[in-house]
C-alpha atoms as a PDB file:
ATOM      1  CA  MET A   1     146.058 145.121 120.632  1.00  0.00           C
ATOM      2  CA  VAL A   2     147.028 145.300 116.962  1.00  0.00           C
ATOM      3  CA  VAL A   3     145.184 143.180 114.395  1.00  0.00           C
ATOM      4  CA  ILE A   4     147.035 142.272 111.205  1.00  0.00           C
ATOM      5  CA  ARG A   5     145.057 140.380 108.583  1.00  0.00           C
ATOM      6  CA  ILE A   6     146.682 137.547 106.642  1.00  0.00           C
ATOM      7  CA  HIS A   7     145.369 136.822 103.145  1.00  0.00           C
ATOM      8  CA  THR A   8     146.135 133.410 101.613  1.00  0.00           C
ATOM      9  CA  PRO A   9     144.491 131.488  98.765  1.00  0.00           C
ATOM     10  CA  SER A  10     142.410 129.607 101.346  1.00  0.00           C
ATOM     11  CA  GLY A  11     141.034 132.783 102.945  1.00  0.00           C
ATOM     12  CA  MET A  12     141.650 135.536 105.459  1.00  0.00           C
ATOM     13  CA  THR A  13     142.881 135.040 109.022  1.00  0.00           C
ATOM     14  CA  ARG A  14     143.868 137.466 111.753  1.00  0.00           C
ATOM     15  CA  LEU A  15     146.889 137.895 113.947  1.00  0.00           C
ATOM     16  CA  ASN A  16     146.148 139.494 117.305  1.00  0.00           C
ATOM     17  CA  LEU A  17     149.364 141.112 118.495  1.00  0.00           C
ATOM     18  CA  PRO A  18     149.834 142.483 122.006  1.00  0.00           C
ATOM     19  CA  GLY A  19     150.490 146.165 122.508  1.00  0.00           C
ATOM     20  CA  ARG A  20     150.424 148.855 119.852  1.00  0.00           C
ATOM     21  CA  ALA A  21     152.034 149.225 116.437  1.00  0.00           C
ATOM     22  CA  THR A  22     154.863 151.135 118.140  1.00  0.00           C
ATOM     23  CA  THR A  23     155.643 148.186 120.455  1.00  0.00           C
ATOM     24  CA  ALA A  24     154.583 145.071 118.488  1.00  0.00           C
ATOM     25  CA  THR A  25     157.457 143.723 116.394  1.00  0.00           C
ATOM     26  CA  TRP A  26     158.002 141.926 113.101  1.00  0.00           C
ATOM     27  CA  GLY A  27     159.226 139.001 115.224  1.00  0.00           C
ATOM     28  CA  ASP A  28     155.769 138.856 116.872  1.00  0.00           C
ATOM     29  CA  VAL A  29     154.210 138.523 113.411  1.00  0.00           C
ATOM     30  CA  GLN A  30     156.728 135.876 112.358  1.00  0.00           C
ATOM     31  CA  ARG A  31     156.153 133.793 115.517  1.00  0.00           C
ATOM     32  CA  GLN A  32     152.388 133.815 115.042  1.00  0.00           C
ATOM     33  CA  LEU A  33     152.742 132.896 111.344  1.00  0.00           C
ATOM     34  CA  ALA A  34     155.056 130.023 112.353  1.00  0.00           C
ATOM     35  CA  ASP A  35     152.483 128.804 114.890  1.00  0.00           C
ATOM     36  CA  MET A  36     149.622 129.045 112.381  1.00  0.00           C
ATOM     37  CA  TYR A  37     151.279 127.690 109.242  1.00  0.00           C
ATOM     38  CA  GLY A  38     154.215 125.670 110.536  1.00  0.00           C
ATOM     39  CA  GLN A  39     156.784 127.614 108.534  1.00  0.00           C
ATOM     40  CA  PRO A  40     159.793 128.870 110.513  1.00  0.00           C
ATOM     41  CA  PRO A  41     160.493 132.624 110.433  1.00  0.00           C
ATOM     42  CA  GLU A  42     163.698 132.271 108.401  1.00  0.00           C
ATOM     43  CA  GLU A  43     161.685 130.634 105.578  1.00  0.00           C
ATOM     44  CA  GLN A  44     158.771 133.081 105.584  1.00  0.00           C
ATOM     45  CA  ILE A  45     158.233 135.342 102.585  1.00  0.00           C
ATOM     46  CA  VAL A  46     155.613 138.009 103.211  1.00  0.00           C
ATOM     47  CA  SER A  47     154.392 140.813 100.958  1.00  0.00           C
ATOM     48  CA  ARG A  48     152.582 144.061 101.754  1.00  0.00           C
ATOM     49  CA  ARG A  49     150.665 143.766  98.476  1.00  0.00           C
ATOM     50  CA  PRO A  50     149.010 140.878  96.623  1.00  0.00           C
ATOM     51  CA  LEU A  51     151.498 138.404  95.215  1.00  0.00           C
ATOM     52  CA  HIS A  52     150.848 139.350  91.584  1.00  0.00           C
ATOM     53  CA  ASP A  53     152.529 142.705  92.397  1.00  0.00           C
ATOM     54  CA  PRO A  54     154.521 142.001  95.588  1.00  0.00           C
ATOM     55  CA  VAL A  55     156.408 144.287  97.922  1.00  0.00           C
ATOM     56  CA  PHE A  56     158.254 141.862 100.186  1.00  0.00           C
ATOM     57  CA  ILE A  57     159.064 142.727 103.778  1.00  0.00           C
ATOM     58  CA  GLU A  58     162.694 142.243 104.778  1.00  0.00           C
ATOM     59  CA  ALA A  59     163.221 143.330 108.349  1.00  0.00           C
ATOM     60  CA  PRO A  60     164.896 142.155 111.535  1.00  0.00           C
ATOM     61  CA  PRO A  61     162.588 140.556 114.120  1.00  0.00           C
ATOM     62  CA  SER A  62     163.163 143.541 116.434  1.00  0.00           C
ATOM     63  CA  ALA A  63     161.680 146.080 113.978  1.00  0.00           C
ATOM     64  CA  THR A  64     158.418 147.564 115.217  1.00  0.00           C
ATOM     65  CA  LEU A  65     155.353 147.390 113.000  1.00  0.00           C
ATOM     66  CA  ALA A  66     155.184 151.189 112.991  1.00  0.00           C
ATOM     67  CA  SER A  67     158.767 151.422 111.707  1.00  0.00           C
ATOM     68  CA  LEU A  68     157.733 149.134 108.819  1.00  0.00           C
ATOM     69  CA  GLY A  69     154.721 151.301 108.025  1.00  0.00           C
ATOM     70  CA  LEU A  70     152.268 148.651 109.277  1.00  0.00           C
ATOM     71  CA  ALA A  71     149.218 149.591 111.300  1.00  0.00           C
ATOM     72  CA  HIS A  72     146.131 148.036 112.890  1.00  0.00           C
ATOM     73  CA  GLY A  73     143.977 146.358 110.221  1.00  0.00           C
ATOM     74  CA  ASP A  74     146.635 146.089 107.500  1.00  0.00           C
ATOM     75  CA  ILE A  75     146.670 143.014 105.259  1.00  0.00           C
ATOM     76  CA  LEU A  76     149.770 140.925 104.585  1.00  0.00           C
ATOM     77  CA  TYR A  77     150.180 138.339 101.827  1.00  0.00           C
ATOM     78  CA  PRO A  78     152.448 135.405 102.691  1.00  0.00           C
ATOM     79  CA  ALA A  79     153.934 133.326  99.874  1.00  0.00           C
ATOM     80  CA  ASP A  80     153.929 129.528 100.173  1.00  0.00           C
ATOM     81  CA  MET A  81     151.704 129.533 103.257  1.00  0.00           C
ATOM     82  CA  ASP A  82     148.208 128.375 102.518  1.00  0.00           C
ATOM     83  CA  LYS A  83     146.686 125.992 105.004  1.00  0.00           C
ATOM     84  CA  PRO A  84     147.078 126.249 108.774  1.00  0.00           C
ATOM     85  CA  ALA A  85     149.579 123.771 110.220  1.00  0.00           C
ATOM     86  CA  ALA A  86     146.914 121.646 111.960  1.00  0.00           C
ATOM     87  CA  SER A  87     144.998 121.169 108.706  1.00  0.00           C
ATOM     88  CA  SER A  88     148.039 120.268 106.652  1.00  0.00           C
ATOM     89  CA  ALA A  89     149.198 117.681 109.176  1.00  0.00           C
ATOM     90  CA  SER A  90     145.889 115.806 109.037  1.00  0.00           C
ATOM     91  CA  SER A  91     145.246 116.073 105.326  1.00  0.00           C
ATOM     92  CA  ALA A  92     145.168 112.991 103.121  1.00  0.00           C
ATOM     93  CA  PRO A  93     147.940 112.383 100.574  1.00  0.00           C
ATOM     94  CA  ALA A  94     147.499 113.997  97.198  1.00  0.00           C
ATOM     95  CA  SER A  95     145.738 111.965  94.521  1.00  0.00           C
ATOM     96  CA  THR A  96     147.857 110.361  91.844  1.00  0.00           C
ATOM     97  CA  SER A  97     145.143 110.342  89.195  1.00  0.00           C
ATOM     98  CA  LYS A  98     146.228 109.750  85.599  1.00  0.00           C
ATOM     99  CA  LEU A  99     143.332 111.610  84.013  1.00  0.00           C
ATOM    100  CA  PRO A 100     144.175 113.651  80.919  1.00  0.00           C
ATOM    101  CA  PRO A 101     144.108 117.439  81.270  1.00  0.00           C
ATOM    102  CA  LEU A 102     140.884 119.242  80.487  1.00  0.00           C
ATOM    103  CA  PRO A 103     140.739 120.935  77.073  1.00  0.00           C
ATOM    104  CA  THR A 104     141.183 124.688  77.113  1.00  0.00           C
ATOM    105  CA  ARG A 105     138.598 127.008  75.617  1.00  0.00           C
ATOM    106  CA  ARG A 106     139.607 129.750  73.298  1.00  0.00           C
ATOM    107  CA  VAL A 107     137.947 133.076  73.986  1.00  0.00           C
ATOM    108  CA  VAL A 108     137.526 135.378  71.018  1.00  0.00           C
END
C-alpha cells in the first residue's frame, strides 16, 4: 500500500492506494480525491509543493506514481479543495453579515 498525504487549509488527510508506487496510478489519486472532496478529476488542480510556490502535476490518469516522482509518504497540495464532500454538503449557508471590516494594524 502507498500512502499519499493531502494537505489543505483545513488539515492533513491520507490517501491509501493499493499496490506500490510502481503500480498505483495518478488516476487512483484523482478518484480518491473526487470521492473525498467531490471535485471531478478533470477539475482537480494539485501541486507537489505548497500553493505559495506551486509545482502543478499534469499527467494522464494512467501515469504511475513512480513515473511522476511520487513515493510513499509524499504530500500533495490540492487547490480549491478544502472540506471533504460530506462536510460541505451538510454545512449551513454562509452568513450575509453587513459588519464593517476590522481595522488593520500597522507594524513598524
